[in-house]
Amino acid sequence: MDCGVQCNGAFCSGGTPEASSSCSSSSLVCGNGRKGKTGNEIHSFCSKCKEKEAQVKANQTEGLCGDCLHATLLAKFKGAVNSNGMILPTDKLLLAFSGGPASRVALEFIREIQSKVQRDSDASKDNSLRIFQFGVAFVDESAALQLTFHEACQVIEGIKSIVSDKVHQQEDLHIVPIESIWSTDDSDGKQKLSDLLESMQDATGKEDLLGYIRLQVLQKIAVEHGYSKLILGLCTTRIATHVVASTVKGQGYCLPGDVQYVDARWKVPVLLPLRDCVAKELTMLCHVNSWKTIFTKALSTLAGSHFSVNSLVESFVALLQEENPSRERTIARTAEKLKPFGFNRLPETDTVRQLSHRRSDASQHCRSDDNTSLELLCPICSAPLNEKDFMEIRKGFGTNLDLTSLQAALKNRETRLDLPSPVFHCLCCPSCQFQILQEQKPSGQFVYSLLPDIMKKRAIENIISNDSWMRRRIEDCLFSDDDGDEVQDADLEEVTKKMEKFGK
């Protein structure tokens, strides 16, 4: 996942031609890739080291040389990694790679950190020190974007040339088509994906659903190949756009969980080490270091800038950034003040406890109670649902739902799991109900029938966990077997009050 100059969902759609244009040594490259003015308007030397000639105008405020820009962004990357315990010696990391500037910078920074650890290990007396491993994953979306065979091959060859060059050949590269989430043959999966997107009338919902499926494919790759963590290239620019877009789409409740460094609601925790870096600086770093990037198309680039709510918000945030270079950071930092969820921290392990002093500052912003298992997640977008949604879901189950059969199907790992369409609808968050399922329209049930089975399986798991959640919520109102008939009238009155309060 990436966030270069232009992004769609979680994967970058690449930069503009200006962003990759060459520049002479006597001029500065500004944030949008165009040559900046020289002379008396900007200092000719780097504002940080005061020695080398400035090559880029970082965030439209100061001129930096290429080395200082690299050091600044690497320091932000390492700060996020160290303060949150993201990378441990025993880890096997999977980097979601799109070929855009952000994922390219993340790739180079991980390689640099790994090389340093390797040098330290070689120099130490104990050569048995473990060094983390990492691989790279690229999700091929040519079937969703209806690319020609030649265009798809060009993108894949470009990805291979970047990841497996002559110097770096040790990383595992996983190139997986997005239709593989249906776990069927290629032709059947492509047909289901095509039918699903064509049946959806809401452009924003179509774009969002493609991003949700993409993340599910990355999770599938990580689980099947034994990766312990998944790294995404989401940066400040993408997060700022996501904050505004989520607010517009009514996803404010789940927003705090999406903007943190760590998101452990998934089987393989998701990490955002580039959260404090803006897209323009990442693009400039690729430019000054001559790091090759790949332009990949997206739904919004094919349909136009006003294709969806996401593309409109992206244009809006870009306009704000032109007027005030700190707007993106301001939006992102404002969202960071929201109270995170319990899953916004990595699970505690012995290794993590030993490094707890390195991430104490970040840990204090997370919930102190371990309630990760209490979160009921939307089966489509994985957004957490609030207590009001819990109660509405319970009302929507109906009386003909056979929980025993569903539990048996999960236990036997049956591949085909179906729920009544109305039940699945009530298990989803309001945003997915309106933009993706469109239950009030005839196409809603057809859309549900085409969704991947992994989403339907999560819905069934939510139904079963919902009963456990309800019991935990009223646990202090229940009597144990030892209470017998010795309950006093005062106790009964207190229990009645608690039940009435919970019902409200």
Protein backbone atom coordinates (compact mmCIF):
# COMPACT_ATOMS: atom_id res chain seq x y z
CA MET A 1 0.00 0.00 0.00
CA ASP A 2 1.26 3.33 -0.87
CA CYS A 3 0.53 7.02 -0.99
CA GLY A 4 2.51 8.90 -3.55
CA VAL A 5 1.32 11.97 -5.36
CA GLN A 6 -2.03 10.44 -6.26
CA CYS A 7 -3.54 7.52 -4.39
CA ASN A 8 -6.64 5.43 -4.50
CA GLY A 9 -7.66 3.48 -1.44
CA ALA A 10 -4.71 1.65 -0.04
CA PHE A 11 -2.60 1.32 -3.18
CA CYS A 12 -0.88 4.18 -4.92
CA SER A 13 -1.83 5.08 -8.44
CA GLY A 14 1.52 6.64 -8.99
CA GLY A 15 2.69 10.18 -9.50
CA THR A 16 2.29 12.79 -12.16
CA PRO A 17 4.75 13.15 -15.01
CA GLU A 18 6.03 16.35 -13.40
CA ALA A 19 6.91 14.47 -10.22
CA SER A 20 9.46 12.35 -12.05
CA SER A 21 10.91 15.06 -14.26
CA SER A 22 14.60 15.69 -14.07
CA CYS A 23 16.06 18.91 -12.73
CA SER A 24 19.37 20.66 -12.96
CA SER A 25 21.68 20.99 -9.99
CA SER A 26 21.13 24.75 -9.89
CA SER A 27 17.41 24.59 -9.18
CA LEU A 28 15.24 23.20 -6.43
CA VAL A 29 12.54 20.58 -6.80
CA CYS A 30 9.41 21.68 -4.97
CA GLY A 31 6.71 19.45 -3.56
CA ASN A 32 4.77 18.99 -6.79
CA GLY A 33 7.87 18.01 -8.74
CA ARG A 34 8.27 21.30 -10.67
CA LYS A 35 11.49 23.25 -10.55
CA GLY A 36 11.51 25.90 -7.88
CA LYS A 37 12.94 29.37 -8.12
CA THR A 38 16.56 30.07 -7.33
CA GLY A 39 18.48 33.19 -6.48
CA ASN A 40 17.59 35.44 -3.60
CA GLU A 41 14.16 33.87 -3.02
CA ILE A 42 15.56 30.72 -1.38
CA HIS A 43 18.86 29.92 0.23
CA SER A 44 21.30 28.06 -1.99
CA PHE A 45 22.59 25.88 0.83
CA CYS A 46 20.85 23.21 2.85
CA SER A 47 19.06 24.78 5.81
CA LYS A 48 20.03 21.82 8.00
CA CYS A 49 23.69 20.96 7.38
CA LYS A 50 24.60 24.41 5.97
CA GLU A 51 27.24 22.74 3.81
CA LYS A 52 25.75 21.10 0.73
CA GLU A 53 23.68 22.75 -1.95
CA ALA A 54 19.94 22.47 -1.43
CA GLN A 55 18.31 20.07 -3.87
CA VAL A 56 14.70 19.96 -2.72
CA LYS A 57 12.27 22.31 -1.05
CA ALA A 58 10.83 20.16 1.70
CA ASN A 59 7.16 20.85 2.38
CA GLN A 60 7.46 24.24 0.65
CA THR A 61 9.22 25.74 3.69
CA GLU A 62 12.93 25.00 3.58
CA GLY A 63 15.61 23.84 1.19
CA LEU A 64 17.39 20.59 2.01
CA CYS A 65 20.09 18.56 0.40
CA GLY A 66 19.32 15.01 -0.56
CA ASP A 67 21.26 13.50 2.38
CA CYS A 68 19.45 15.64 4.96
CA LEU A 69 16.06 14.84 3.46
CA HIS A 70 16.93 11.14 3.58
CA ALA A 71 18.13 11.40 7.19
CA THR A 72 15.02 13.32 8.26
CA LEU A 73 12.55 10.83 6.80
CA LEU A 74 14.57 7.84 8.02
CA ALA A 75 14.55 9.30 11.54
CA LYS A 76 10.73 9.56 11.42
CA PHE A 77 10.52 5.98 10.15
CA LYS A 78 12.83 4.64 12.87
CA GLY A 79 11.06 6.70 15.52
CA ALA A 80 7.73 5.11 14.67
CA VAL A 81 9.30 1.64 14.57
CA ASN A 82 11.17 1.93 17.87
CA SER A 83 8.49 3.72 19.90
CA ASN A 84 5.88 1.08 19.01
CA GLY A 85 8.06 -2.03 18.96
CA MET A 86 7.14 -2.69 15.34
CA ILE A 87 10.18 -4.70 14.30
CA LEU A 88 11.61 -7.42 16.55
CA PRO A 89 14.48 -9.84 15.82
CA THR A 90 12.04 -12.73 15.57
CA ASP A 91 9.69 -11.01 13.13
CA LYS A 92 8.97 -11.94 9.55
CA LEU A 93 7.60 -8.80 7.91
CA LEU A 94 5.49 -8.48 4.78
CA LEU A 95 5.62 -5.15 2.94
CA ALA A 96 2.61 -4.27 0.79
CA PHE A 97 4.21 -2.85 -2.34
CA SER A 98 2.56 -0.94 -5.17
CA GLY A 99 5.63 0.61 -6.78
CA GLY A 100 4.68 4.16 -5.79
CA PRO A 101 6.92 6.57 -3.83
CA ALA A 102 5.74 5.64 -0.32
CA SER A 103 6.09 1.87 -0.67
CA ARG A 104 9.42 2.38 -2.47
CA VAL A 105 10.75 4.49 0.44
CA ALA A 106 9.48 1.90 2.93
CA LEU A 107 11.28 -0.84 0.98
CA GLU A 108 14.60 1.04 1.01
CA PHE A 109 14.31 1.97 4.70
CA ILE A 110 13.59 -1.62 5.74
CA ARG A 111 16.55 -2.79 3.70
CA GLU A 112 18.73 -0.15 5.36
CA ILE A 113 17.63 -1.17 8.86
CA GLN A 114 18.16 -4.84 8.07
CA SER A 115 21.65 -4.15 6.69
CA LYS A 116 22.61 -2.26 9.85
CA VAL A 117 21.37 -5.09 12.05
CA GLN A 118 23.35 -7.53 9.92
CA ARG A 119 26.53 -5.45 10.29
CA ASP A 120 26.05 -5.21 14.05
CA SER A 121 25.54 -8.95 14.22
CA ASP A 122 28.69 -9.62 12.19
CA ALA A 123 30.69 -7.28 14.39
CA SER A 124 29.47 -8.78 17.65
CA LYS A 125 31.08 -11.73 19.36
CA ASP A 126 27.81 -13.62 19.32
CA ASN A 127 27.08 -14.40 15.68
CA SER A 128 23.89 -16.24 16.62
CA LEU A 129 21.88 -13.03 16.97
CA ARG A 130 18.62 -13.29 15.08
CA ILE A 131 17.81 -10.84 12.29
CA PHE A 132 14.28 -10.14 11.16
CA GLN A 133 13.20 -11.29 7.72
CA PHE A 134 10.87 -9.58 5.30
CA GLY A 135 9.12 -10.19 2.03
CA VAL A 136 7.24 -8.07 -0.48
CA ALA A 137 3.67 -8.52 -1.74
CA PHE A 138 2.04 -6.97 -4.80
CA VAL A 139 -1.69 -7.35 -5.44
CA ASP A 140 -2.40 -7.43 -9.18
CA GLU A 141 -5.63 -5.50 -9.80
CA SER A 142 -5.61 -5.73 -13.59
CA ALA A 143 -8.85 -7.74 -13.57
CA ALA A 144 -10.67 -5.05 -11.58
CA LEU A 145 -9.26 -2.21 -13.67
CA GLN A 146 -9.77 -4.08 -16.96
CA LEU A 147 -6.18 -3.60 -18.04
CA THR A 148 -4.90 -5.25 -21.19
CA PHE A 149 -2.52 -8.19 -20.93
CA HIS A 150 0.35 -5.99 -22.15
CA GLU A 151 -0.35 -3.28 -19.54
CA ALA A 152 -0.55 -5.85 -16.72
CA CYS A 153 2.72 -7.46 -17.77
CA GLN A 154 4.46 -4.08 -17.87
CA VAL A 155 3.43 -3.32 -14.29
CA ILE A 156 4.48 -6.75 -13.00
CA GLU A 157 7.83 -6.61 -14.75
CA GLY A 158 8.41 -3.15 -13.29
CA ILE A 159 7.66 -4.43 -9.78
CA LYS A 160 10.03 -7.36 -10.24
CA SER A 161 12.82 -5.09 -11.50
CA ILE A 162 12.57 -2.91 -8.38
CA VAL A 163 12.30 -5.62 -5.74
CA SER A 164 14.65 -8.21 -7.23
CA ASP A 165 17.48 -6.12 -8.60
CA LYS A 166 21.11 -7.22 -8.84
CA VAL A 167 21.92 -5.95 -5.35
CA HIS A 168 18.83 -7.13 -3.47
CA GLN A 169 17.68 -10.60 -4.40
CA GLN A 170 17.03 -12.16 -1.00
CA GLU A 171 13.49 -10.84 -0.45
CA ASP A 172 10.58 -13.09 -1.30
CA LEU A 173 8.23 -11.46 -3.80
CA HIS A 174 4.58 -12.51 -3.83
CA ILE A 175 2.53 -11.36 -6.82
CA VAL A 176 -1.09 -12.38 -6.30
CA PRO A 177 -4.16 -11.43 -8.38
CA ILE A 178 -6.90 -9.73 -6.41
CA GLU A 179 -9.49 -12.24 -7.61
CA SER A 180 -7.66 -15.01 -5.71
CA ILE A 181 -9.66 -14.07 -2.59
CA TRP A 182 -12.54 -16.15 -4.00
CA SER A 183 -10.33 -19.27 -3.81
CA THR A 184 -11.48 -20.48 -7.21
CA ASP A 185 -9.87 -20.83 -10.60
CA ASP A 186 -8.71 -17.63 -12.27
CA SER A 187 -11.52 -17.37 -14.80
CA ASP A 188 -14.27 -17.89 -12.21
CA GLY A 189 -12.70 -15.40 -9.80
CA LYS A 190 -12.35 -12.75 -12.51
CA GLN A 191 -15.96 -13.22 -13.52
CA LYS A 192 -17.20 -12.85 -9.93
CA LEU A 193 -15.10 -9.75 -9.40
CA SER A 194 -16.34 -8.20 -12.66
CA ASP A 195 -19.97 -9.00 -11.85
CA LEU A 196 -19.57 -7.61 -8.33
CA LEU A 197 -18.16 -4.27 -9.46
CA GLU A 198 -20.63 -3.89 -12.32
CA SER A 199 -23.59 -4.55 -10.04
CA MET A 200 -22.59 -1.77 -7.64
CA GLN A 201 -24.07 1.61 -8.56
CA ASP A 202 -22.32 3.70 -5.90
CA ALA A 203 -18.87 4.72 -7.13
CA THR A 204 -17.55 5.40 -3.63
CA GLY A 205 -18.72 2.01 -2.40
CA LYS A 206 -17.11 0.33 -5.40
CA GLU A 207 -13.78 2.03 -4.70
CA ASP A 208 -13.93 1.25 -0.98
CA LEU A 209 -14.86 -2.40 -1.54
CA LEU A 210 -11.88 -2.87 -3.84
CA GLY A 211 -9.64 -1.52 -1.06
CA TYR A 212 -11.21 -3.89 1.51
CA ILE A 213 -10.71 -6.89 -0.77
CA ARG A 214 -7.13 -5.82 -1.41
CA LEU A 215 -6.36 -5.82 2.30
CA GLN A 216 -7.99 -9.24 2.68
CA VAL A 217 -5.71 -10.57 -0.07
CA LEU A 218 -2.67 -9.18 1.75
CA GLN A 219 -3.83 -10.84 4.95
CA LYS A 220 -4.25 -14.12 3.08
CA ILE A 221 -0.70 -13.89 1.73
CA ALA A 222 0.68 -13.10 5.18
CA VAL A 223 -1.14 -15.99 6.87
CA GLU A 224 -0.28 -18.57 4.23
CA HIS A 225 3.45 -17.73 4.24
CA GLY A 226 3.91 -17.30 7.99
CA TYR A 227 4.47 -13.54 8.20
CA SER A 228 4.05 -11.99 11.63
CA LYS A 229 3.33 -8.37 10.63
CA LEU A 230 2.09 -6.46 7.60
CA ILE A 231 3.57 -3.05 6.73
CA LEU A 232 1.57 -0.54 4.69
CA GLY A 233 2.88 2.63 3.07
CA LEU A 234 0.13 4.93 4.33
CA CYS A 235 1.56 8.37 5.08
CA THR A 236 0.28 11.67 6.48
CA THR A 237 -1.26 12.69 3.15
CA ARG A 238 -3.31 9.51 2.82
CA ILE A 239 -4.33 9.60 6.48
CA ALA A 240 -5.47 13.22 6.22
CA THR A 241 -7.59 12.33 3.18
CA HIS A 242 -8.97 9.27 4.98
CA VAL A 243 -9.93 11.35 8.03
CA VAL A 244 -12.01 13.80 5.99
CA ALA A 245 -13.50 11.10 3.74
CA SER A 246 -14.46 8.87 6.69
CA THR A 247 -16.16 11.80 8.39
CA VAL A 248 -18.16 12.54 5.24
CA LYS A 249 -19.15 8.87 4.82
CA GLY A 250 -20.33 8.49 8.43
CA GLN A 251 -17.43 6.34 9.64
CA GLY A 252 -16.46 8.59 12.52
CA TYR A 253 -16.78 5.94 15.22
CA CYS A 254 -14.18 3.63 13.68
CA LEU A 255 -11.89 6.48 12.58
CA PRO A 256 -9.59 6.39 15.67
CA GLY A 257 -8.66 2.80 14.90
CA ASP A 258 -7.53 3.60 11.36
CA VAL A 259 -5.03 6.39 12.07
CA GLN A 260 -2.77 4.78 14.68
CA TYR A 261 0.68 3.28 14.15
CA VAL A 262 -0.59 -0.23 14.97
CA ASP A 263 -3.81 -2.00 13.95
CA ALA A 264 -4.01 -5.49 15.47
CA ARG A 265 -7.66 -6.23 14.71
CA TRP A 266 -6.40 -8.50 11.90
CA LYS A 267 -4.85 -11.96 12.21
CA VAL A 268 -1.59 -10.38 11.04
CA PRO A 269 -1.19 -6.94 12.70
CA VAL A 270 -0.95 -3.96 10.33
CA LEU A 271 1.78 -1.33 10.86
CA LEU A 272 2.07 2.25 9.54
CA PRO A 273 5.71 3.35 10.03
CA LEU A 274 5.39 6.18 7.47
CA ARG A 275 2.48 7.81 9.26
CA ASP A 276 4.49 10.98 10.03
CA CYS A 277 5.79 11.53 6.48
CA VAL A 278 3.95 13.58 3.84
CA ALA A 279 3.64 12.32 0.27
CA LYS A 280 5.51 15.22 -1.33
CA GLU A 281 8.64 14.56 0.73
CA LEU A 282 8.53 10.86 -0.10
CA THR A 283 8.20 11.68 -3.80
CA MET A 284 11.12 14.09 -3.61
CA LEU A 285 13.29 11.52 -1.85
CA CYS A 286 12.67 9.01 -4.65
CA HIS A 287 13.56 11.75 -7.14
CA VAL A 288 16.86 12.83 -5.59
CA ASN A 289 17.96 9.23 -4.97
CA SER A 290 16.87 8.11 -8.46
CA TRP A 291 14.69 5.38 -6.99
CA LYS A 292 12.50 3.99 -9.72
CA THR A 293 8.75 4.05 -9.13
CA ILE A 294 5.87 2.50 -11.04
CA PHE A 295 2.68 4.25 -12.10
CA THR A 296 -0.35 2.03 -11.50
CA LYS A 297 -3.86 2.92 -12.54
CA ALA A 298 -6.82 3.07 -10.19
CA LEU A 299 -10.59 3.38 -10.52
CA SER A 300 -10.45 7.13 -9.88
CA THR A 301 -7.73 7.72 -12.48
CA LEU A 302 -9.75 5.84 -15.07
CA ALA A 303 -13.04 7.63 -14.32
CA GLY A 304 -11.86 11.16 -13.47
CA SER A 305 -11.11 13.29 -10.43
CA HIS A 306 -14.80 13.56 -9.44
CA PHE A 307 -15.36 9.82 -9.58
CA SER A 308 -16.17 9.32 -5.90
CA VAL A 309 -16.24 10.94 -2.47
CA ASN A 310 -12.65 9.76 -1.97
CA SER A 311 -11.36 11.48 -5.10
CA LEU A 312 -13.26 14.67 -4.29
CA VAL A 313 -11.80 14.76 -0.78
CA GLU A 314 -8.34 14.08 -2.17
CA SER A 315 -8.64 17.13 -4.42
CA PHE A 316 -9.97 19.17 -1.51
CA VAL A 317 -7.08 18.24 0.80
CA ALA A 318 -4.57 18.95 -1.99
CA LEU A 319 -6.09 22.42 -2.39
CA LEU A 320 -5.80 23.05 1.36
CA GLN A 321 -2.18 21.92 1.25
CA GLU A 322 -1.37 24.44 -1.47
CA GLU A 323 -2.73 27.27 0.68
CA ASN A 324 -1.05 26.06 3.87
CA PRO A 325 1.74 23.46 3.75
CA SER A 326 0.94 22.22 7.26
CA ARG A 327 -2.73 21.38 6.63
CA GLU A 328 -2.17 17.65 6.06
CA ARG A 329 -0.20 17.31 9.28
CA THR A 330 -2.80 19.34 11.15
CA ILE A 331 -5.63 17.08 10.02
CA ALA A 332 -3.69 13.92 10.86
CA ARG A 333 -2.59 15.14 14.28
CA THR A 334 -6.11 16.23 15.14
CA ALA A 335 -7.37 12.71 14.41
CA GLU A 336 -4.56 11.25 16.55
CA LYS A 337 -6.13 12.87 19.62
CA LEU A 338 -9.15 10.58 19.34
CA LYS A 339 -9.17 7.71 21.82
CA PRO A 340 -7.78 4.57 20.14
CA PHE A 341 -9.26 1.11 20.46
CA GLY A 342 -7.81 -1.84 22.32
CA PHE A 343 -6.56 -3.35 19.06
CA ASN A 344 -4.33 -0.32 18.39
CA ARG A 345 -1.39 -1.98 20.09
CA LEU A 346 0.58 -5.14 19.46
CA PRO A 347 -0.18 -8.24 21.55
CA GLU A 348 2.08 -8.51 24.58
CA THR A 349 4.89 -11.05 24.27
CA ASP A 350 8.05 -11.66 26.27
CA THR A 351 10.12 -9.86 23.66
CA VAL A 352 7.75 -6.89 23.64
CA ARG A 353 7.84 -6.65 27.43
CA GLN A 354 11.62 -6.48 27.35
CA LEU A 355 11.37 -3.53 24.97
CA SER A 356 8.47 -1.86 26.79
CA HIS A 357 10.65 0.99 28.00
CA ARG A 358 11.29 1.94 24.36
CA ARG A 359 7.63 2.36 23.56
CA SER A 360 6.20 3.60 26.85
CA ASP A 361 5.30 6.98 25.36
CA ALA A 362 3.22 5.44 22.61
CA SER A 363 1.60 2.88 24.90
CA GLN A 364 0.12 5.48 27.20
CA HIS A 365 -2.14 6.70 24.41
CA CYS A 366 -3.79 3.29 24.06
CA ARG A 367 -6.52 1.88 26.22
CA SER A 368 -5.30 0.26 29.38
CA ASP A 369 -7.99 -2.42 29.31
CA ASP A 370 -7.44 -5.42 27.09
CA ASN A 371 -10.77 -5.56 25.27
CA THR A 372 -9.64 -6.57 21.81
CA SER A 373 -11.84 -9.67 21.87
CA LEU A 374 -14.91 -7.58 22.74
CA GLU A 375 -14.91 -5.66 19.46
CA LEU A 376 -17.50 -6.72 16.91
CA LEU A 377 -16.19 -5.87 13.45
CA CYS A 378 -18.04 -5.19 10.23
CA PRO A 379 -17.56 -8.29 8.01
CA ILE A 380 -16.82 -6.11 4.96
CA CYS A 381 -14.63 -3.20 6.12
CA SER A 382 -13.66 -4.51 9.60
CA ALA A 383 -14.85 -1.29 11.24
CA PRO A 384 -15.68 -1.71 14.96
CA LEU A 385 -19.35 -1.30 15.85
CA ASN A 386 -20.63 0.60 18.89
CA GLU A 387 -23.05 -0.63 21.55
CA LYS A 388 -26.07 0.79 19.72
CA ASP A 389 -25.10 -1.25 16.67
CA PHE A 390 -24.84 -4.35 18.89
CA MET A 391 -28.42 -3.96 20.03
CA GLU A 392 -29.70 -3.36 16.50
CA ILE A 393 -27.85 -6.45 15.29
CA ARG A 394 -29.46 -8.57 17.98
CA LYS A 395 -32.90 -7.40 16.92
CA GLY A 396 -32.17 -8.18 13.28
CA PHE A 397 -31.18 -11.82 13.75
CA GLY A 398 -34.72 -13.12 13.64
CA THR A 399 -35.97 -16.40 15.10
CA ASN A 400 -35.14 -18.78 12.27
CA LEU A 401 -31.35 -18.44 12.54
CA ASP A 402 -29.84 -21.80 13.48
CA LEU A 403 -26.73 -20.90 15.51
CA THR A 404 -25.94 -24.56 16.20
CA SER A 405 -25.63 -25.34 12.49
CA LEU A 406 -23.49 -22.26 11.92
CA GLN A 407 -21.12 -23.22 14.75
CA ALA A 408 -20.82 -26.74 13.35
CA ALA A 409 -20.05 -25.38 9.89
CA LEU A 410 -17.26 -23.20 11.28
CA LYS A 411 -15.87 -26.08 13.32
CA ASN A 412 -15.82 -28.34 10.26
CA ARG A 413 -14.17 -25.55 8.21
CA GLU A 414 -16.77 -25.68 5.50
CA THR A 415 -15.81 -23.45 2.57
CA ARG A 416 -19.34 -22.45 1.60
CA LEU A 417 -21.07 -20.48 4.36
CA ASP A 418 -24.25 -18.56 3.61
CA LEU A 419 -26.44 -16.33 5.74
CA PRO A 420 -29.78 -14.80 4.88
CA SER A 421 -29.09 -11.53 3.12
CA PRO A 422 -31.02 -9.40 5.67
CA VAL A 423 -29.01 -10.91 8.54
CA PHE A 424 -25.71 -10.18 6.85
CA HIS A 425 -26.92 -6.67 6.10
CA CYS A 426 -27.62 -5.90 9.76
CA LEU A 427 -24.15 -7.19 10.75
CA CYS A 428 -22.43 -4.54 8.62
CA CYS A 429 -21.63 -0.96 9.57
CA PRO A 430 -24.02 1.77 8.32
CA SER A 431 -21.52 2.94 5.70
CA CYS A 432 -21.23 -0.50 4.08
CA GLN A 433 -24.99 -0.98 4.29
CA PHE A 434 -25.60 2.20 2.33
CA GLN A 435 -22.67 2.31 -0.12
CA ILE A 436 -21.94 -1.36 -0.84
CA LEU A 437 -24.91 -3.60 -0.04
CA GLN A 438 -27.64 -1.11 -0.99
CA GLU A 439 -30.21 -3.41 0.60
CA GLN A 440 -33.08 -1.10 -0.31
CA LYS A 441 -32.30 -1.67 -3.99
CA PRO A 442 -32.84 -4.89 -5.99
CA SER A 443 -29.12 -5.21 -6.58
CA GLY A 444 -28.34 -5.47 -2.86
CA GLN A 445 -28.96 -9.20 -2.55
CA PHE A 446 -27.03 -9.88 -5.75
CA VAL A 447 -24.06 -7.93 -4.41
CA TYR A 448 -24.16 -10.00 -1.21
CA SER A 449 -24.18 -13.27 -3.18
CA LEU A 450 -20.95 -12.26 -4.96
CA LEU A 451 -18.97 -11.23 -1.87
CA PRO A 452 -15.97 -13.42 -0.93
CA ASP A 453 -16.69 -16.25 1.49
CA ILE A 454 -14.15 -14.87 3.95
CA MET A 455 -16.50 -11.93 4.62
CA LYS A 456 -19.48 -14.24 5.11
CA LYS A 457 -17.43 -16.38 7.49
CA ARG A 458 -16.56 -13.32 9.58
CA ALA A 459 -20.27 -12.45 9.75
CA ILE A 460 -21.04 -15.87 11.23
CA GLU A 461 -18.19 -15.50 13.72
CA ASN A 462 -19.67 -12.14 14.71
CA ILE A 463 -23.07 -13.71 15.36
CA ILE A 464 -21.54 -16.28 17.69
CA SER A 465 -19.31 -13.76 19.45
CA ASN A 466 -22.29 -11.40 19.83
CA ASP A 467 -23.96 -13.83 22.24
CA SER A 468 -20.75 -14.04 24.27
CA TRP A 469 -20.50 -10.25 24.28
CA MET A 470 -24.07 -9.89 25.55
CA ARG A 471 -23.40 -12.34 28.36
CA ARG A 472 -20.24 -10.50 29.41
CA ARG A 473 -22.13 -7.22 29.46
CA ILE A 474 -24.77 -8.53 31.90
CA GLU A 475 -22.47 -10.92 33.79
CA ASP A 476 -22.75 -8.93 37.00
CA CYS A 477 -26.55 -9.19 36.73
CA LEU A 478 -26.59 -13.00 36.55
CA PHE A 479 -26.81 -15.36 39.50
CA SER A 480 -24.40 -18.22 40.02
CA ASP A 481 -25.54 -21.73 40.88
CA ASP A 482 -24.41 -21.22 44.48
CA ASP A 483 -26.80 -18.33 45.06
CA GLY A 484 -29.80 -20.67 45.33
CA ASP A 485 -32.90 -19.12 46.91
CA GLU A 486 -31.01 -16.90 49.29
CA VAL A 487 -31.27 -13.79 47.14
CA GLN A 488 -32.80 -10.94 49.09
CA ASP A 489 -35.42 -8.51 47.77
CA ALA A 490 -32.84 -5.71 47.76
CA ASP A 491 -30.59 -7.78 45.51
CA LEU A 492 -33.44 -8.45 43.09
CA GLU A 493 -34.25 -4.76 42.97
CA GLU A 494 -30.60 -3.91 42.22
CA VAL A 495 -30.44 -6.50 39.42
CA THR A 496 -33.66 -5.15 37.91
CA LYS A 497 -32.24 -1.62 37.84
CA LYS A 498 -29.06 -2.81 36.10
CA MET A 499 -31.02 -4.71 33.47
CA GLU A 500 -33.26 -1.72 32.81
CA LYS A 501 -30.22 0.55 32.51
CA PHE A 502 -28.55 -1.86 30.05
CA GLY A 503 -31.74 -2.08 27.99
CA LYS A 504 -31.83 1.65 27.59
